[in-house]
Amino acid sequence: RNTNFQRSIPSLSKNIHCRLQNNSNNNSYNLNSRSPSSLNSILKVRGGANTAATATADEFAKRLLAAAAVTVLYEGIIGHIFEFLKIGMQTAPVGTTYMSIMRRITDEKGIAGAWDGFVPWGVVQAIFKGGVFGLALSMAKTYLSPLAEKGILPEKAVATLCGGIAGGVQGFVLSPLLLLKTRVMTNPVFRENMTLLKTTYLSLTIGLEVAR
């Protein structure tokens, strides 16, 4: 029996060696046969979490920057002037015309007087106006779009709700900044001929007074 057992040992070890070698070859084949996309997906996993959250945050940041940049550009070109005329008409006595308001604004400084209040509060307001609205709209779409995809709400209703939520958040955040800019626009001191640096300094002073 011992002789037979000793004779069977080499054949048994040979079988084990062959099976281990086959398993090793299969494993190497499975690793090599993975598609590049699968390997890329594995490599993108950091700390055991998928990068979906990072991609969403990047998308929010891009939308926020784009909305803020477009709003600052628009407000600097024409939006601030329209708002200046609107506030001037609201605070002017009955019978005042838009042309008379424009002449009063540009009487001392020329056309540059139309941008009184734009620096710094108009710029800050424009950044927050576009950024807050874009971010709020993007977040609202993220949470409400699945309702349209599942058929719970119509797409038009979801779009209306998203716009309303974004506008409400924007109005809530911008109220203090709008107050600061309105104070500068309606203050007769800023109708005098002064440099941009002095105008900015006086605007900051008014902001500190309102904050107190």
C-alpha atoms as a PDB file:
ATOM      1  CA  ARG A   1       0.000   0.000   0.000  1.00  0.00           C
ATOM      2  CA  ASN A   2       2.814   2.393   0.839  1.00  0.00           C
ATOM      3  CA  THR A   3       4.392   1.630  -2.509  1.00  0.00           C
ATOM      4  CA  ASN A   4       1.170   2.339  -4.383  1.00  0.00           C
ATOM      5  CA  PHE A   5       0.661   5.558  -2.415  1.00  0.00           C
ATOM      6  CA  GLN A   6       4.183   6.735  -3.184  1.00  0.00           C
ATOM      7  CA  ARG A   7       3.641   5.987  -6.872  1.00  0.00           C
ATOM      8  CA  SER A   8       0.423   8.059  -6.929  1.00  0.00           C
ATOM      9  CA  ILE A   9       2.064  11.134  -5.391  1.00  0.00           C
ATOM     10  CA  PRO A  10       3.865  12.339  -8.578  1.00  0.00           C
ATOM     11  CA  SER A  11       0.741  11.983 -10.711  1.00  0.00           C
ATOM     12  CA  LEU A  12      -1.355  13.825  -8.084  1.00  0.00           C
ATOM     13  CA  SER A  13       1.123  16.696  -7.845  1.00  0.00           C
ATOM     14  CA  LYS A  14       1.242  16.884 -11.622  1.00  0.00           C
ATOM     15  CA  ASN A  15      -2.560  17.201 -11.808  1.00  0.00           C
ATOM     16  CA  ILE A  16      -2.565  19.932  -9.163  1.00  0.00           C
ATOM     17  CA  HIS A  17       0.169  21.808 -11.018  1.00  0.00           C
ATOM     18  CA  CYS A  18      -1.778  21.619 -14.296  1.00  0.00           C
ATOM     19  CA  ARG A  19      -4.974  22.902 -12.669  1.00  0.00           C
ATOM     20  CA  LEU A  20      -3.165  25.807 -11.024  1.00  0.00           C
ATOM     21  CA  GLN A  21      -1.551  26.708 -14.318  1.00  0.00           C
ATOM     22  CA  ASN A  22      -4.916  26.602 -16.131  1.00  0.00           C
ATOM     23  CA  ASN A  23      -6.514  28.817 -13.503  1.00  0.00           C
ATOM     24  CA  SER A  24      -3.648  31.304 -13.782  1.00  0.00           C
ATOM     25  CA  ASN A  25      -4.013  31.431 -17.559  1.00  0.00           C
ATOM     26  CA  ASN A  26      -7.777  31.964 -17.290  1.00  0.00           C
ATOM     27  CA  ASN A  27      -7.329  34.805 -14.815  1.00  0.00           C
ATOM     28  CA  SER A  28      -4.743  36.535 -16.995  1.00  0.00           C
ATOM     29  CA  TYR A  29      -7.045  36.118 -19.994  1.00  0.00           C
ATOM     30  CA  ASN A  30      -9.966  37.689 -18.118  1.00  0.00           C
ATOM     31  CA  LEU A  31      -7.833  40.659 -17.104  1.00  0.00           C
ATOM     32  CA  ASN A  32      -6.486  41.162 -20.606  1.00  0.00           C
ATOM     33  CA  SER A  33      -9.878  40.733 -22.217  1.00  0.00           C
ATOM     34  CA  ARG A  34     -11.441  43.582 -20.240  1.00  0.00           C
ATOM     35  CA  SER A  35     -12.492  46.397 -22.499  1.00  0.00           C
ATOM     36  CA  PRO A  36     -10.747  49.760 -22.112  1.00  0.00           C
ATOM     37  CA  SER A  37     -14.011  51.323 -20.991  1.00  0.00           C
ATOM     38  CA  SER A  38     -14.296  48.806 -18.154  1.00  0.00           C
ATOM     39  CA  LEU A  39     -10.748  49.509 -17.048  1.00  0.00           C
ATOM     40  CA  ASN A  40     -11.347  53.229 -17.245  1.00  0.00           C
ATOM     41  CA  SER A  41     -14.458  52.839 -15.115  1.00  0.00           C
ATOM     42  CA  ILE A  42     -12.436  50.971 -12.523  1.00  0.00           C
ATOM     43  CA  LEU A  43      -9.656  53.547 -12.549  1.00  0.00           C
ATOM     44  CA  LYS A  44     -12.149  56.387 -12.076  1.00  0.00           C
ATOM     45  CA  VAL A  45     -13.320  54.948  -8.776  1.00  0.00           C
ATOM     46  CA  ARG A  46     -11.670  56.839  -5.940  1.00  0.00           C
ATOM     47  CA  GLY A  47     -12.043  55.806  -2.362  1.00  0.00           C
ATOM     48  CA  GLY A  48     -14.666  53.267  -3.301  1.00  0.00           C
ATOM     49  CA  ALA A  49     -17.089  55.915  -4.642  1.00  0.00           C
ATOM     50  CA  ASN A  50     -18.081  56.532  -8.238  1.00  0.00           C
ATOM     51  CA  THR A  51     -17.314  59.848  -9.889  1.00  0.00           C
ATOM     52  CA  ALA A  52     -20.973  60.594 -10.660  1.00  0.00           C
ATOM     53  CA  ALA A  53     -21.182  63.028  -7.735  1.00  0.00           C
ATOM     54  CA  THR A  54     -18.033  64.807  -8.927  1.00  0.00           C
ATOM     55  CA  ALA A  55     -19.418  65.084 -12.454  1.00  0.00           C
ATOM     56  CA  THR A  56     -22.655  66.576 -11.103  1.00  0.00           C
ATOM     57  CA  ALA A  57     -20.759  69.119  -9.009  1.00  0.00           C
ATOM     58  CA  ASP A  58     -18.641  70.083 -12.029  1.00  0.00           C
ATOM     59  CA  GLU A  59     -21.776  70.554 -14.102  1.00  0.00           C
ATOM     60  CA  PHE A  60     -23.295  72.816 -11.424  1.00  0.00           C
ATOM     61  CA  ALA A  61     -20.084  74.880 -11.319  1.00  0.00           C
ATOM     62  CA  LYS A  62     -20.004  75.275 -15.107  1.00  0.00           C
ATOM     63  CA  ARG A  63     -23.623  76.408 -15.238  1.00  0.00           C
ATOM     64  CA  LEU A  64     -23.080  78.829 -12.376  1.00  0.00           C
ATOM     65  CA  LEU A  65     -20.020  80.426 -14.031  1.00  0.00           C
ATOM     66  CA  ALA A  66     -21.727  80.645 -17.419  1.00  0.00           C
ATOM     67  CA  ALA A  67     -24.859  82.267 -15.990  1.00  0.00           C
ATOM     68  CA  ALA A  68     -22.827  84.736 -13.902  1.00  0.00           C
ATOM     69  CA  ALA A  69     -20.608  85.748 -16.834  1.00  0.00           C
ATOM     70  CA  VAL A  70     -23.539  86.313 -19.201  1.00  0.00           C
ATOM     71  CA  THR A  71     -25.419  88.371 -16.603  1.00  0.00           C
ATOM     72  CA  VAL A  72     -22.429  90.623 -15.832  1.00  0.00           C
ATOM     73  CA  LEU A  73     -21.934  91.225 -19.554  1.00  0.00           C
ATOM     74  CA  TYR A  74     -25.604  92.080 -20.107  1.00  0.00           C
ATOM     75  CA  GLU A  75     -25.868  94.318 -17.044  1.00  0.00           C
ATOM     76  CA  GLY A  76     -22.682  96.169 -17.972  1.00  0.00           C
ATOM     77  CA  ILE A  77     -23.814  96.856 -21.539  1.00  0.00           C
ATOM     78  CA  ILE A  78     -27.478  97.826 -21.172  1.00  0.00           C
ATOM     79  CA  GLY A  79     -29.218  96.190 -18.177  1.00  0.00           C
ATOM     80  CA  HIS A  80     -27.908  98.656 -15.586  1.00  0.00           C
ATOM     81  CA  ILE A  81     -29.047 101.638 -17.662  1.00  0.00           C
ATOM     82  CA  PHE A  82     -32.568 100.219 -17.984  1.00  0.00           C
ATOM     83  CA  GLU A  83     -32.717  99.636 -14.229  1.00  0.00           C
ATOM     84  CA  PHE A  84     -31.417 103.145 -13.601  1.00  0.00           C
ATOM     85  CA  LEU A  85     -34.240 104.587 -15.721  1.00  0.00           C
ATOM     86  CA  LYS A  86     -36.797 102.397 -13.979  1.00  0.00           C
ATOM     87  CA  ILE A  87     -35.702 103.438 -10.488  1.00  0.00           C
ATOM     88  CA  GLY A  88     -35.470 107.079 -11.559  1.00  0.00           C
ATOM     89  CA  MET A  89     -39.022 106.985 -12.905  1.00  0.00           C
ATOM     90  CA  GLN A  90     -40.320 105.307  -9.729  1.00  0.00           C
ATOM     91  CA  THR A  91     -38.808 107.980  -7.474  1.00  0.00           C
ATOM     92  CA  ALA A  92     -39.512 110.989  -9.730  1.00  0.00           C
ATOM     93  CA  PRO A  93     -42.557 113.271  -9.376  1.00  0.00           C
ATOM     94  CA  VAL A  94     -45.583 112.879 -11.612  1.00  0.00           C
ATOM     95  CA  GLY A  95     -45.054 114.156 -15.152  1.00  0.00           C
ATOM     96  CA  THR A  96     -41.377 113.224 -15.372  1.00  0.00           C
ATOM     97  CA  THR A  97     -40.267 111.697 -18.654  1.00  0.00           C
ATOM     98  CA  TYR A  98     -37.542 109.168 -19.375  1.00  0.00           C
ATOM     99  CA  MET A  99     -35.634 111.756 -21.412  1.00  0.00           C
ATOM    100  CA  SER A 100     -35.577 114.180 -18.486  1.00  0.00           C
ATOM    101  CA  ILE A 101     -34.252 111.443 -16.210  1.00  0.00           C
ATOM    102  CA  MET A 102     -31.558 110.556 -18.728  1.00  0.00           C
ATOM    103  CA  ARG A 103     -30.554 114.237 -19.032  1.00  0.00           C
ATOM    104  CA  ARG A 104     -30.346 114.539 -15.235  1.00  0.00           C
ATOM    105  CA  ILE A 105     -28.174 111.421 -15.005  1.00  0.00           C
ATOM    106  CA  THR A 106     -25.759 112.502 -17.739  1.00  0.00           C
ATOM    107  CA  ASP A 107     -25.777 116.268 -17.060  1.00  0.00           C
ATOM    108  CA  GLU A 108     -22.498 116.421 -15.103  1.00  0.00           C
ATOM    109  CA  LYS A 109     -20.624 113.222 -16.031  1.00  0.00           C
ATOM    110  CA  GLY A 110     -21.881 112.581 -19.513  1.00  0.00           C
ATOM    111  CA  ILE A 111     -22.847 109.054 -20.524  1.00  0.00           C
ATOM    112  CA  ALA A 112     -20.569 107.655 -17.805  1.00  0.00           C
ATOM    113  CA  GLY A 113     -23.130 108.853 -15.241  1.00  0.00           C
ATOM    114  CA  ALA A 114     -25.488 106.115 -16.421  1.00  0.00           C
ATOM    115  CA  TRP A 115     -23.209 103.561 -14.764  1.00  0.00           C
ATOM    116  CA  ASP A 116     -23.317 105.138 -11.295  1.00  0.00           C
ATOM    117  CA  GLY A 117     -23.853 102.346  -8.791  1.00  0.00           C
ATOM    118  CA  PHE A 118     -22.632  99.642 -11.146  1.00  0.00           C
ATOM    119  CA  VAL A 119     -19.288  99.459  -9.332  1.00  0.00           C
ATOM    120  CA  PRO A 120     -19.216  97.717  -6.952  1.00  0.00           C
ATOM    121  CA  TRP A 121     -22.825  96.865  -6.109  1.00  0.00           C
ATOM    122  CA  GLY A 122     -24.052  96.428  -9.666  1.00  0.00           C
ATOM    123  CA  VAL A 123     -21.235  93.998 -10.457  1.00  0.00           C
ATOM    124  CA  VAL A 124     -21.826  92.035  -7.271  1.00  0.00           C
ATOM    125  CA  GLN A 125     -25.556  91.960  -7.936  1.00  0.00           C
ATOM    126  CA  ALA A 126     -25.029  90.820 -11.526  1.00  0.00           C
ATOM    127  CA  ILE A 127     -22.749  87.978 -10.418  1.00  0.00           C
ATOM    128  CA  PHE A 128     -25.204  86.827  -7.790  1.00  0.00           C
ATOM    129  CA  LYS A 129     -28.195  87.365 -10.077  1.00  0.00           C
ATOM    130  CA  GLY A 130     -26.881  85.078 -12.794  1.00  0.00           C
ATOM    131  CA  GLY A 131     -25.050  82.676 -10.525  1.00  0.00           C
ATOM    132  CA  VAL A 132     -27.843  82.180  -8.001  1.00  0.00           C
ATOM    133  CA  PHE A 133     -30.509  81.862 -10.687  1.00  0.00           C
ATOM    134  CA  GLY A 134     -28.442  79.398 -12.740  1.00  0.00           C
ATOM    135  CA  LEU A 135     -27.540  77.274  -9.721  1.00  0.00           C
ATOM    136  CA  ALA A 136     -31.089  77.256  -8.329  1.00  0.00           C
ATOM    137  CA  LEU A 137     -32.511  76.379 -11.749  1.00  0.00           C
ATOM    138  CA  SER A 138     -30.012  73.560 -12.226  1.00  0.00           C
ATOM    139  CA  MET A 139     -30.741  72.082  -8.796  1.00  0.00           C
ATOM    140  CA  ALA A 140     -34.489  72.372  -9.309  1.00  0.00           C
ATOM    141  CA  LYS A 141     -34.214  70.552 -12.635  1.00  0.00           C
ATOM    142  CA  THR A 142     -32.140  67.820 -11.011  1.00  0.00           C
ATOM    143  CA  TYR A 143     -34.856  67.078  -8.467  1.00  0.00           C
ATOM    144  CA  LEU A 144     -37.958  67.730 -10.592  1.00  0.00           C
ATOM    145  CA  SER A 145     -36.954  66.311 -13.989  1.00  0.00           C
ATOM    146  CA  PRO A 146     -37.447  62.693 -12.797  1.00  0.00           C
ATOM    147  CA  LEU A 147     -41.108  63.575 -12.141  1.00  0.00           C
ATOM    148  CA  ALA A 148     -41.529  64.442 -15.831  1.00  0.00           C
ATOM    149  CA  GLU A 149     -39.640  61.324 -16.926  1.00  0.00           C
ATOM    150  CA  LYS A 150     -41.933  59.132 -14.820  1.00  0.00           C
ATOM    151  CA  GLY A 151     -45.023  60.873 -16.149  1.00  0.00           C
ATOM    152  CA  ILE A 152     -46.064  62.273 -12.771  1.00  0.00           C
ATOM    153  CA  LEU A 153     -45.961  65.884 -14.022  1.00  0.00           C
ATOM    154  CA  PRO A 154     -45.988  67.336 -17.558  1.00  0.00           C
ATOM    155  CA  GLU A 155     -42.686  68.706 -18.835  1.00  0.00           C
ATOM    156  CA  LYS A 156     -44.115  72.233 -19.129  1.00  0.00           C
ATOM    157  CA  ALA A 157     -45.267  72.118 -15.501  1.00  0.00           C
ATOM    158  CA  VAL A 158     -41.791  71.010 -14.386  1.00  0.00           C
ATOM    159  CA  ALA A 159     -40.163  73.798 -16.428  1.00  0.00           C
ATOM    160  CA  THR A 160     -42.540  76.365 -14.899  1.00  0.00           C
ATOM    161  CA  LEU A 161     -41.868  75.124 -11.369  1.00  0.00           C
ATOM    162  CA  CYS A 162     -38.102  75.161 -11.924  1.00  0.00           C
ATOM    163  CA  GLY A 163     -38.226  78.737 -13.225  1.00  0.00           C
ATOM    164  CA  GLY A 164     -40.417  79.853 -10.339  1.00  0.00           C
ATOM    165  CA  ILE A 165     -38.156  78.263  -7.730  1.00  0.00           C
ATOM    166  CA  ALA A 166     -35.036  79.785  -9.309  1.00  0.00           C
ATOM    167  CA  GLY A 167     -36.658  83.222  -9.492  1.00  0.00           C
ATOM    168  CA  GLY A 168     -37.800  83.047  -5.875  1.00  0.00           C
ATOM    169  CA  VAL A 169     -34.350  82.090  -4.621  1.00  0.00           C
ATOM    170  CA  GLN A 170     -32.792  84.828  -6.746  1.00  0.00           C
ATOM    171  CA  GLY A 171     -35.144  87.501  -5.382  1.00  0.00           C
ATOM    172  CA  PHE A 172     -34.525  86.442  -1.789  1.00  0.00           C
ATOM    173  CA  VAL A 173     -30.736  86.557  -2.162  1.00  0.00           C
ATOM    174  CA  LEU A 174     -30.582  89.793  -4.167  1.00  0.00           C
ATOM    175  CA  SER A 175     -32.858  91.992  -2.043  1.00  0.00           C
ATOM    176  CA  PRO A 176     -30.031  93.486   0.096  1.00  0.00           C
ATOM    177  CA  LEU A 177     -27.838  94.165  -2.955  1.00  0.00           C
ATOM    178  CA  LEU A 178     -30.693  95.811  -4.820  1.00  0.00           C
ATOM    179  CA  LEU A 179     -31.253  98.109  -1.849  1.00  0.00           C
ATOM    180  CA  LEU A 180     -27.596  99.174  -1.869  1.00  0.00           C
ATOM    181  CA  LYS A 181     -27.597  99.902  -5.589  1.00  0.00           C
ATOM    182  CA  THR A 182     -30.873 101.834  -5.352  1.00  0.00           C
ATOM    183  CA  ARG A 183     -29.438 104.047  -2.609  1.00  0.00           C
ATOM    184  CA  VAL A 184     -26.500 104.940  -4.829  1.00  0.00           C
ATOM    185  CA  MET A 185     -28.680 105.606  -7.884  1.00  0.00           C
ATOM    186  CA  THR A 186     -31.047 107.921  -6.012  1.00  0.00           C
ATOM    187  CA  ASN A 187     -28.388 109.797  -4.017  1.00  0.00           C
ATOM    188  CA  PRO A 188     -27.876 113.299  -5.513  1.00  0.00           C
ATOM    189  CA  VAL A 189     -24.206 113.264  -4.475  1.00  0.00           C
ATOM    190  CA  PHE A 190     -23.450 110.824  -7.291  1.00  0.00           C
ATOM    191  CA  ARG A 191     -24.769 113.269  -9.904  1.00  0.00           C
ATOM    192  CA  GLU A 192     -21.668 115.390  -9.332  1.00  0.00           C
ATOM    193  CA  ASN A 193     -18.639 115.044 -11.559  1.00  0.00           C
ATOM    194  CA  MET A 194     -16.195 112.707  -9.785  1.00  0.00           C
ATOM    195  CA  THR A 195     -13.748 109.963 -10.637  1.00  0.00           C
ATOM    196  CA  LEU A 196     -14.610 106.262 -10.731  1.00  0.00           C
ATOM    197  CA  LEU A 197     -12.432 105.666  -7.679  1.00  0.00           C
ATOM    198  CA  LYS A 198     -14.280 108.274  -5.626  1.00  0.00           C
ATOM    199  CA  THR A 199     -17.660 106.985  -6.818  1.00  0.00           C
ATOM    200  CA  THR A 200     -16.704 103.454  -5.782  1.00  0.00           C
ATOM    201  CA  TYR A 201     -15.483 104.673  -2.386  1.00  0.00           C
ATOM    202  CA  LEU A 202     -18.723 106.569  -1.719  1.00  0.00           C
ATOM    203  CA  SER A 203     -20.732 103.526  -2.837  1.00  0.00           C
ATOM    204  CA  LEU A 204     -18.877 101.365  -0.326  1.00  0.00           C
ATOM    205  CA  THR A 205     -19.492 103.973   2.371  1.00  0.00           C
ATOM    206  CA  ILE A 206     -23.229 103.908   1.686  1.00  0.00           C
ATOM    207  CA  GLY A 207     -23.122 100.095   1.800  1.00  0.00           C
ATOM    208  CA  LEU A 208     -21.526 100.182   5.251  1.00  0.00           C
ATOM    209  CA  GLU A 209     -24.110 102.684   6.481  1.00  0.00           C
ATOM    210  CA  VAL A 210     -26.990 100.539   5.239  1.00  0.00           C
ATOM    211  CA  ALA A 211     -25.430  97.429   6.797  1.00  0.00           C
ATOM    212  CA  ARG A 212     -25.254  99.159  10.160  1.00  0.00           C
END
